[in-house]
Amino acid sequence: MNVKSVEAVDTPQAPDEGLFGFLVDGIQMSLRSGDGPHFTYIIGNNGTGKSRQLARLAGYFGDRDDSAAHVIGCISNAVYDRFTLTNRGRIEYLGARTSGNAVFHAAIDRQLSKIILKGILRNKSVVRRLEQSLAMDFMFSIRVPESGKIDLQKLVDRRKLKNAPISSFLNRNEQIIVTGFFGKQVRFSSLSTVQATVLQKFLDLNPDVRIFIRRRDGMRVTIDFDQLSTGEQNRALTYAKVLAVAQEGALILIDEPEISLHLHWQMGFHERLRAIFGGLKRYHVVVATHSPVIISEGARVDSSDAAVVVLERDEGKEAPDLTFRYHKFGEISSHERLVLKDFNTATFRTISVDVEIAESVLDALEQPDAVQDIVDKLESMSGKLGVSDEDKENIQAALNVLRNHAPTMVVEENGQ
């Protein structure tokens, strides 16, 4: 994210508005410049408002006539999300909720079918990219009734028909096309544009459609989509939803993509996400996440075009203010240092604390005027989750050195 025009972002901002303005400016700049792609990862403790920022961004860019975003994809697989449950204008809600805060699991196959069809109708190569990314083929089936008689009028949601005959929604030729799908497993990527268009119309009437997955391994086993693990389902749904809105000028907002994902899938998230967009350049992805693995592995493959925005609250106050700071992916030196710095956590037997102490002392030698800032940083590190008693003793020893010898450091720096 190009943020060179934003000054003093490491200092506390006005609650919420400073952060929101910062995000808006960065997104507007990147979508208009076309020198992307650009990614922004928002992290912070629960309650800092990551999901709410995504919802606000959707509303802001969706409601403005001068918006640089051509489409806003609001993506979530959680039972609850903060997005508005609606598609309007440029906003496309691709969450899990279908009404209120409910999730009807029987509708997931139909939702995924619609998402894939939408991608096919925009660019048929989309579904092939999805299949390649996930190493699985996507197929659908519409069950033949036990009676063996196919009466489309009786196989759809009558509330959708509104007492009208099926012929008012599908003409005779379209009904023949739909009837030809019954009792078969049809691969989405084999559909013609005409077939995909007709199937999309039919799915709007809420028929019982099932999705099947054929894994691209040695056995090429075919299983029901609902028999996949929750992680496999969420992974497929997330990438399919991204593909449904992947285009030039897209703003993609993804809330907690790591839900149920195995560590290896988290590691590959950023790289696969970027691959899904193919050769597109002008788009911006904003991800709210709790996963340091997603971020650190993203930094490994993509150091220049992504940034991490860290939301923080001063819990020591009765009414804590929201502040934020940011840094580029290129400034992430390692996964453990990322966890210590941005997630305020020292993992078990990590060496990141020792490295931070050593670098702080060296920085004090090289920058004597910054000793007080370095002391403040070390003091705050003692309060991070997971810092051991031994680490705290080492931090205290370093603090004693800095406090006792700070004047000497100035003298030595001046060559006296």
Protein backbone atom coordinates (compact mmCIF):
# COMPACT_ATOMS: atom_id res chain seq x y z
CA MET A 1 0.00 0.00 0.00
CA ASN A 2 1.41 3.38 -0.99
CA VAL A 3 1.27 5.48 2.17
CA LYS A 4 4.16 7.86 1.67
CA SER A 5 1.82 10.86 1.87
CA VAL A 6 0.62 9.89 5.35
CA GLU A 7 2.73 11.44 8.08
CA ALA A 8 3.37 10.42 11.69
CA VAL A 9 1.36 7.23 11.53
CA ASP A 10 3.26 5.81 14.50
CA THR A 11 1.75 8.46 16.76
CA PRO A 12 -1.69 8.12 18.36
CA GLN A 13 -4.54 9.21 16.11
CA ALA A 14 -7.96 10.57 16.93
CA PRO A 15 -10.11 7.58 17.91
CA ASP A 16 -11.23 5.68 14.82
CA GLU A 17 -11.38 8.59 12.37
CA GLY A 18 -7.61 8.84 11.91
CA LEU A 19 -7.41 5.14 11.15
CA PHE A 20 -10.37 5.16 8.79
CA GLY A 21 -9.05 8.15 6.89
CA PHE A 22 -5.67 6.47 6.62
CA LEU A 23 -7.24 3.33 5.15
CA VAL A 24 -9.46 5.27 2.73
CA ASP A 25 -6.57 7.40 1.44
CA GLY A 26 -4.40 4.35 0.84
CA ILE A 27 -7.13 2.46 -1.02
CA GLN A 28 -8.14 5.46 -3.16
CA MET A 29 -4.51 6.05 -4.08
CA SER A 30 -3.80 2.45 -5.01
CA LEU A 31 -6.96 1.93 -7.08
CA ARG A 32 -6.43 5.13 -9.01
CA SER A 33 -2.71 4.62 -9.60
CA GLY A 34 -2.98 1.19 -11.18
CA ASP A 35 0.55 0.32 -10.04
CA GLY A 36 -0.60 -2.50 -7.79
CA PRO A 37 -1.76 -4.90 -6.70
CA HIS A 38 -1.97 -3.75 -3.11
CA PHE A 39 -2.73 -5.60 0.12
CA THR A 40 -3.46 -4.30 3.61
CA TYR A 41 -3.61 -6.62 6.61
CA ILE A 42 -5.39 -5.28 9.70
CA ILE A 43 -4.52 -6.93 13.01
CA GLY A 44 -5.33 -6.27 16.65
CA ASN A 45 -6.88 -7.81 19.72
CA ASN A 46 -10.55 -8.74 19.80
CA GLY A 47 -12.62 -5.63 20.33
CA THR A 48 -10.31 -3.21 18.52
CA GLY A 49 -12.75 -3.01 15.61
CA LYS A 50 -11.08 -4.80 12.70
CA SER A 51 -14.34 -6.16 11.26
CA ARG A 52 -16.09 -2.85 11.81
CA GLN A 53 -13.42 -1.10 9.75
CA LEU A 54 -14.09 -3.50 6.87
CA ALA A 55 -17.82 -2.79 7.05
CA ARG A 56 -17.19 0.97 7.09
CA LEU A 57 -14.90 0.72 4.09
CA ALA A 58 -17.60 -1.18 2.19
CA GLY A 59 -20.17 1.50 2.97
CA TYR A 60 -17.84 4.38 2.13
CA PHE A 61 -16.69 3.10 -1.24
CA GLY A 62 -20.08 1.67 -2.12
CA ASP A 63 -22.04 4.88 -1.53
CA ARG A 64 -19.76 7.47 -3.14
CA ASP A 65 -20.23 8.51 -6.77
CA ASP A 66 -16.52 9.29 -7.05
CA SER A 67 -15.45 5.93 -5.62
CA ALA A 68 -12.34 4.46 -7.18
CA ALA A 69 -13.69 0.96 -6.54
CA HIS A 70 -15.69 -0.63 -9.35
CA VAL A 71 -16.86 -3.51 -7.16
CA ILE A 72 -16.62 -4.12 -3.41
CA GLY A 73 -16.55 -7.78 -2.38
CA CYS A 74 -17.45 -8.37 1.28
CA ILE A 75 -16.15 -11.83 2.13
CA SER A 76 -16.62 -13.81 5.34
CA ASN A 77 -17.24 -17.44 6.28
CA ALA A 78 -18.08 -16.75 9.91
CA VAL A 79 -21.54 -17.13 11.44
CA TYR A 80 -21.34 -13.46 12.39
CA ASP A 81 -19.82 -10.59 10.47
CA ARG A 82 -20.18 -6.82 10.46
CA PHE A 83 -21.05 -6.37 6.81
CA THR A 84 -24.47 -5.15 5.78
CA LEU A 85 -26.50 -8.14 4.62
CA THR A 86 -27.29 -6.84 1.15
CA ASN A 87 -26.08 -6.44 -2.40
CA ARG A 88 -26.48 -2.91 -3.60
CA GLY A 89 -24.76 -0.87 -6.24
CA ARG A 90 -21.11 -1.87 -6.28
CA ILE A 91 -21.34 -3.84 -3.02
CA GLU A 92 -21.55 -7.63 -3.20
CA TYR A 93 -22.14 -9.40 0.10
CA LEU A 94 -20.41 -12.79 0.03
CA GLY A 95 -20.74 -13.76 3.66
CA ALA A 96 -22.27 -16.80 5.32
CA ARG A 97 -25.44 -15.18 6.65
CA THR A 98 -28.65 -15.53 4.68
CA SER A 99 -31.04 -13.68 6.99
CA GLY A 100 -30.46 -11.93 10.25
CA ASN A 101 -27.54 -13.77 11.83
CA ALA A 102 -28.58 -17.22 10.68
CA VAL A 103 -26.62 -19.61 8.51
CA PHE A 104 -28.60 -22.23 6.61
CA HIS A 105 -26.07 -24.91 5.79
CA ALA A 106 -28.33 -26.45 3.15
CA ALA A 107 -27.93 -23.23 1.15
CA ILE A 108 -24.11 -23.34 1.07
CA ASP A 109 -23.95 -25.60 -2.00
CA ARG A 110 -26.36 -23.34 -3.85
CA GLN A 111 -24.41 -20.23 -2.83
CA LEU A 112 -21.12 -21.74 -3.98
CA SER A 113 -22.76 -22.78 -7.27
CA LYS A 114 -23.94 -19.22 -7.88
CA ILE A 115 -20.50 -17.84 -7.06
CA ILE A 116 -18.77 -20.19 -9.48
CA LEU A 117 -21.32 -19.47 -12.22
CA LYS A 118 -20.85 -15.75 -11.78
CA GLY A 119 -17.13 -16.21 -12.27
CA ILE A 120 -17.67 -18.38 -15.35
CA LEU A 121 -19.94 -15.80 -16.97
CA ARG A 122 -17.31 -13.11 -16.47
CA ASN A 123 -14.37 -15.24 -17.58
CA LYS A 124 -14.47 -19.00 -18.05
CA SER A 125 -10.85 -19.34 -17.00
CA VAL A 126 -11.88 -18.29 -13.49
CA VAL A 127 -13.17 -21.70 -12.45
CA ARG A 128 -10.08 -23.37 -13.89
CA ARG A 129 -7.89 -21.11 -11.75
CA LEU A 130 -9.99 -22.06 -8.73
CA GLU A 131 -9.62 -25.76 -9.46
CA GLN A 132 -5.89 -25.41 -10.03
CA SER A 133 -5.38 -23.41 -6.83
CA LEU A 134 -7.22 -25.97 -4.71
CA ALA A 135 -6.16 -29.10 -6.64
CA MET A 136 -9.79 -30.21 -6.92
CA ASP A 137 -12.48 -30.21 -9.61
CA PHE A 138 -15.93 -28.74 -8.90
CA MET A 139 -19.08 -30.49 -10.09
CA PHE A 140 -22.79 -30.11 -9.38
CA SER A 141 -25.80 -32.38 -9.47
CA ILE A 142 -29.55 -31.87 -9.31
CA ARG A 143 -31.32 -34.91 -7.91
CA VAL A 144 -34.08 -36.67 -9.80
CA PRO A 145 -37.19 -37.12 -7.58
CA GLU A 146 -37.84 -40.61 -6.24
CA SER A 147 -40.82 -40.83 -8.55
CA GLY A 148 -38.48 -40.34 -11.50
CA LYS A 149 -40.72 -37.61 -12.85
CA ILE A 150 -39.11 -34.20 -13.35
CA ASP A 151 -41.62 -31.40 -12.75
CA LEU A 152 -39.64 -28.17 -12.41
CA GLN A 153 -42.68 -26.39 -10.98
CA LYS A 154 -42.56 -28.69 -7.94
CA LEU A 155 -38.79 -28.75 -7.53
CA VAL A 156 -38.22 -25.10 -6.72
CA ASP A 157 -39.15 -22.74 -3.88
CA ARG A 158 -42.78 -21.82 -4.51
CA ARG A 159 -42.30 -18.54 -2.71
CA LYS A 160 -39.88 -17.56 -5.46
CA LEU A 161 -42.48 -18.37 -8.11
CA LYS A 162 -45.08 -16.14 -6.42
CA ASN A 163 -47.90 -18.33 -7.79
CA ALA A 164 -46.58 -17.88 -11.33
CA PRO A 165 -45.87 -20.83 -13.65
CA ILE A 166 -42.27 -21.94 -14.15
CA SER A 167 -42.58 -20.86 -17.78
CA SER A 168 -42.62 -17.23 -16.67
CA PHE A 169 -39.04 -17.68 -15.39
CA LEU A 170 -37.65 -20.22 -17.86
CA ASN A 171 -38.75 -20.59 -21.46
CA ARG A 172 -39.16 -23.98 -23.10
CA ASN A 173 -35.57 -24.24 -24.36
CA GLU A 174 -34.22 -23.18 -20.96
CA GLN A 175 -36.34 -25.82 -19.23
CA ILE A 176 -34.91 -28.46 -21.57
CA ILE A 177 -31.36 -27.35 -20.70
CA VAL A 178 -32.09 -27.52 -16.97
CA THR A 179 -33.80 -30.91 -17.23
CA GLY A 180 -30.67 -32.25 -18.94
CA PHE A 181 -28.66 -31.61 -15.76
CA PHE A 182 -30.81 -33.87 -13.54
CA GLY A 183 -29.23 -37.06 -12.29
CA LYS A 184 -25.74 -36.23 -13.55
CA GLN A 185 -22.54 -34.90 -12.06
CA VAL A 186 -21.64 -31.97 -14.30
CA ARG A 187 -18.29 -30.23 -14.08
CA PHE A 188 -18.71 -26.46 -13.91
CA SER A 189 -15.79 -25.81 -16.24
CA SER A 190 -17.53 -27.86 -18.98
CA LEU A 191 -20.56 -25.55 -19.11
CA SER A 192 -21.11 -23.33 -22.12
CA THR A 193 -22.02 -19.70 -21.58
CA VAL A 194 -25.64 -20.46 -22.48
CA GLN A 195 -25.81 -23.37 -20.02
CA ALA A 196 -24.22 -21.31 -17.25
CA THR A 197 -26.68 -18.46 -17.84
CA VAL A 198 -29.70 -20.77 -17.71
CA LEU A 199 -28.43 -22.61 -14.63
CA GLN A 200 -27.88 -19.29 -12.87
CA LYS A 201 -31.52 -18.32 -13.54
CA PHE A 202 -32.72 -21.68 -12.28
CA LEU A 203 -30.69 -21.45 -9.07
CA ASP A 204 -32.43 -18.16 -8.26
CA LEU A 205 -35.54 -20.29 -7.67
CA ASN A 206 -33.72 -22.20 -4.87
CA PRO A 207 -33.75 -25.78 -6.20
CA ASP A 208 -31.93 -28.56 -4.35
CA VAL A 209 -28.48 -28.54 -5.95
CA ARG A 210 -25.50 -30.44 -4.60
CA ILE A 211 -21.80 -29.78 -5.11
CA PHE A 212 -19.25 -32.54 -5.47
CA ILE A 213 -15.48 -32.34 -5.28
CA ARG A 214 -13.02 -34.55 -7.13
CA ARG A 215 -9.58 -34.29 -5.64
CA ARG A 216 -6.70 -34.16 -8.07
CA ASP A 217 -4.64 -36.85 -6.44
CA GLY A 218 -3.77 -40.37 -7.47
CA MET A 219 -7.19 -41.80 -6.57
CA ARG A 220 -9.24 -38.82 -7.86
CA VAL A 221 -11.96 -39.59 -5.31
CA THR A 222 -15.28 -37.73 -5.70
CA ILE A 223 -17.07 -36.69 -2.49
CA ASP A 224 -19.91 -34.39 -1.45
CA PHE A 225 -18.84 -30.86 -0.64
CA ASP A 226 -20.46 -31.15 2.79
CA GLN A 227 -18.22 -34.15 3.53
CA LEU A 228 -15.11 -32.00 3.30
CA SER A 229 -13.59 -30.77 6.53
CA THR A 230 -14.67 -27.36 7.74
CA GLY A 231 -11.24 -26.01 6.81
CA GLU A 232 -11.47 -27.39 3.26
CA GLN A 233 -14.94 -25.90 2.86
CA ASN A 234 -13.90 -22.48 4.15
CA ARG A 235 -10.80 -22.48 1.95
CA ALA A 236 -12.82 -23.33 -1.17
CA LEU A 237 -15.53 -20.80 -0.32
CA THR A 238 -13.04 -17.99 0.33
CA TYR A 239 -11.17 -18.43 -2.94
CA ALA A 240 -14.40 -18.90 -4.93
CA LYS A 241 -15.82 -15.70 -3.45
CA VAL A 242 -12.65 -13.78 -4.30
CA LEU A 243 -12.79 -15.08 -7.88
CA ALA A 244 -16.42 -13.99 -8.19
CA VAL A 245 -15.40 -10.33 -7.76
CA ALA A 246 -11.79 -10.43 -9.02
CA GLN A 247 -11.51 -7.72 -11.66
CA GLU A 248 -9.69 -4.48 -12.33
CA GLY A 249 -10.78 -1.80 -9.89
CA ALA A 250 -11.94 -4.31 -7.25
CA LEU A 251 -11.82 -3.66 -3.52
CA ILE A 252 -11.86 -7.02 -1.75
CA LEU A 253 -12.59 -7.03 2.00
CA ILE A 254 -11.91 -10.38 3.72
CA ASP A 255 -12.76 -11.01 7.37
CA GLU A 256 -10.72 -13.68 9.19
CA PRO A 257 -9.87 -16.04 6.30
CA GLU A 258 -7.91 -18.26 8.69
CA ILE A 259 -11.05 -19.78 10.23
CA SER A 260 -10.51 -23.57 10.48
CA LEU A 261 -7.49 -23.44 8.14
CA HIS A 262 -4.61 -25.83 8.71
CA LEU A 263 -1.22 -24.18 9.27
CA HIS A 264 -0.01 -25.10 5.78
CA TRP A 265 -3.06 -23.48 4.17
CA GLN A 266 -2.50 -20.35 6.21
CA MET A 267 1.09 -20.29 5.00
CA GLY A 268 -0.04 -20.38 1.38
CA PHE A 269 -2.95 -17.96 1.71
CA HIS A 270 -1.32 -14.75 0.47
CA GLU A 271 0.52 -16.38 -2.41
CA ARG A 272 -2.58 -18.24 -3.62
CA LEU A 273 -4.73 -15.15 -3.17
CA ARG A 274 -2.41 -13.21 -5.42
CA ALA A 275 -2.32 -16.03 -7.97
CA ILE A 276 -6.13 -16.10 -8.17
CA PHE A 277 -6.12 -12.56 -9.57
CA GLY A 278 -3.97 -13.72 -12.47
CA GLY A 279 -2.57 -10.79 -14.41
CA LEU A 280 -4.78 -8.13 -12.85
CA LYS A 281 -3.00 -5.04 -11.51
CA ARG A 282 -5.52 -2.51 -10.22
CA TYR A 283 -7.13 -4.00 -7.16
CA HIS A 284 -6.79 -3.66 -3.39
CA VAL A 285 -7.33 -6.44 -0.84
CA VAL A 286 -7.93 -5.60 2.83
CA VAL A 287 -7.76 -8.55 5.23
CA ALA A 288 -8.67 -8.54 8.92
CA THR A 289 -6.88 -11.43 10.57
CA HIS A 290 -5.55 -12.94 13.79
CA SER A 291 -3.00 -15.09 11.95
CA PRO A 292 0.67 -14.09 12.13
CA VAL A 293 1.43 -17.05 9.85
CA ILE A 294 -0.61 -15.57 6.99
CA ILE A 295 1.23 -12.27 7.34
CA SER A 296 4.77 -13.56 7.79
CA GLU A 297 4.47 -16.01 4.89
CA GLY A 298 2.95 -13.26 2.79
CA ALA A 299 5.97 -11.12 3.58
CA ARG A 300 8.24 -13.93 2.45
CA VAL A 301 6.81 -13.91 -1.08
CA ASP A 302 5.60 -10.33 -1.44
CA SER A 303 7.71 -7.76 0.39
CA SER A 304 6.92 -4.60 -1.55
CA ASP A 305 3.17 -4.30 -2.13
CA ALA A 306 1.62 -5.01 1.25
CA ALA A 307 1.36 -3.35 4.64
CA VAL A 308 0.31 -4.33 8.15
CA VAL A 309 -1.90 -1.95 10.12
CA VAL A 310 -1.84 -2.67 13.86
CA LEU A 311 -4.82 -1.51 15.94
CA GLU A 312 -4.13 -0.94 19.61
CA ARG A 313 -5.98 0.29 22.70
CA ASP A 314 -4.40 1.62 25.86
CA GLU A 315 -6.10 -0.76 28.27
CA GLY A 316 -4.66 1.16 31.19
CA LYS A 317 -7.22 3.91 30.63
CA GLU A 318 -10.80 3.87 31.83
CA ALA A 319 -11.93 4.77 28.30
CA PRO A 320 -9.06 3.45 26.15
CA ASP A 321 -8.33 5.30 22.91
CA LEU A 322 -7.88 3.45 19.66
CA THR A 323 -4.49 4.07 18.06
CA PHE A 324 -2.72 2.48 15.15
CA ARG A 325 0.66 2.09 13.51
CA TYR A 326 1.71 0.51 10.26
CA HIS A 327 4.68 -0.97 8.50
CA LYS A 328 5.43 -2.54 5.13
CA PHE A 329 5.81 -6.26 4.58
CA GLY A 330 9.45 -5.63 3.75
CA GLU A 331 10.11 -4.59 7.35
CA ILE A 332 9.14 -8.02 8.72
CA SER A 333 12.39 -9.79 9.53
CA SER A 334 10.93 -13.08 10.78
CA HIS A 335 7.76 -14.75 11.98
CA GLU A 336 8.86 -14.65 15.63
CA ARG A 337 9.77 -10.96 15.49
CA LEU A 338 6.39 -10.23 13.90
CA VAL A 339 4.60 -12.07 16.70
CA LEU A 340 6.58 -10.18 19.34
CA LYS A 341 6.23 -6.75 17.78
CA ASP A 342 2.73 -6.78 16.32
CA PHE A 343 0.93 -9.46 18.31
CA ASN A 344 2.63 -8.50 21.60
CA THR A 345 3.45 -12.13 22.34
CA ALA A 346 6.65 -14.04 23.08
CA THR A 347 6.23 -17.64 21.98
CA PHE A 348 7.66 -20.56 23.98
CA ARG A 349 11.47 -20.43 24.10
CA THR A 350 11.61 -17.78 21.41
CA ILE A 351 14.95 -16.08 20.77
CA SER A 352 13.18 -12.96 19.49
CA VAL A 353 13.31 -11.31 22.94
CA ASP A 354 17.09 -11.85 23.19
CA VAL A 355 17.55 -10.49 19.67
CA GLU A 356 15.43 -7.45 20.50
CA ILE A 357 17.47 -6.77 23.67
CA ALA A 358 20.79 -7.06 21.83
CA GLU A 359 19.65 -4.83 18.98
CA SER A 360 18.30 -2.27 21.44
CA VAL A 361 21.66 -1.97 23.19
CA LEU A 362 23.46 -1.65 19.85
CA ASP A 363 20.94 0.97 18.71
CA ALA A 364 21.61 2.93 21.89
CA LEU A 365 25.34 2.93 21.12
CA GLU A 366 24.74 4.12 17.57
CA GLN A 367 21.92 6.56 18.41
CA PRO A 368 22.63 8.03 21.85
CA ASP A 369 19.97 10.69 21.41
CA ALA A 370 17.35 7.93 21.16
CA VAL A 371 18.23 6.18 24.43
CA GLN A 372 15.02 7.18 26.18
CA ASP A 373 12.87 5.81 23.34
CA ILE A 374 14.85 2.57 23.46
CA VAL A 375 14.38 2.35 27.23
CA ASP A 376 10.63 2.85 26.79
CA LYS A 377 10.52 0.08 24.17
CA LEU A 378 12.34 -2.38 26.42
CA GLU A 379 10.12 -1.53 29.38
CA SER A 380 7.00 -2.20 27.32
CA MET A 381 8.45 -5.52 26.12
CA SER A 382 8.49 -6.81 29.69
CA GLY A 383 4.70 -6.64 29.72
CA LYS A 384 4.14 -8.68 26.57
CA LEU A 385 2.35 -12.01 26.91
CA GLY A 386 4.69 -14.99 27.21
CA VAL A 387 7.82 -13.10 28.23
CA SER A 388 9.54 -15.41 30.72
CA ASP A 389 11.03 -14.43 34.06
CA GLU A 390 14.49 -15.03 32.59
CA ASP A 391 13.66 -12.72 29.69
CA LYS A 392 12.48 -10.08 32.14
CA GLU A 393 15.75 -10.35 34.06
CA ASN A 394 17.70 -9.88 30.82
CA ILE A 395 15.54 -6.90 29.91
CA GLN A 396 16.14 -5.37 33.33
CA ALA A 397 19.90 -5.90 32.99
CA ALA A 398 19.86 -4.13 29.63
CA LEU A 399 17.81 -1.28 31.12
CA ASN A 400 20.32 -0.87 33.94
CA VAL A 401 23.14 -0.61 31.43
CA LEU A 402 21.31 1.97 29.37
CA ARG A 403 20.25 4.07 32.35
CA ASN A 404 23.64 3.97 34.06
CA HIS A 405 25.76 4.56 30.98
CA ALA A 406 23.58 6.76 28.79
CA PRO A 407 25.80 9.86 29.41
CA THR A 408 28.91 7.78 28.63
CA MET A 409 27.38 6.69 25.36
CA VAL A 410 26.92 10.31 24.36
CA VAL A 411 30.55 11.04 25.24
CA GLU A 412 31.82 8.03 23.25
CA GLU A 413 29.62 8.95 20.29
CA ASN A 414 31.18 12.39 20.25
CA GLY A 415 34.67 10.89 20.29
CA GLN A 416 35.62 12.49 23.61
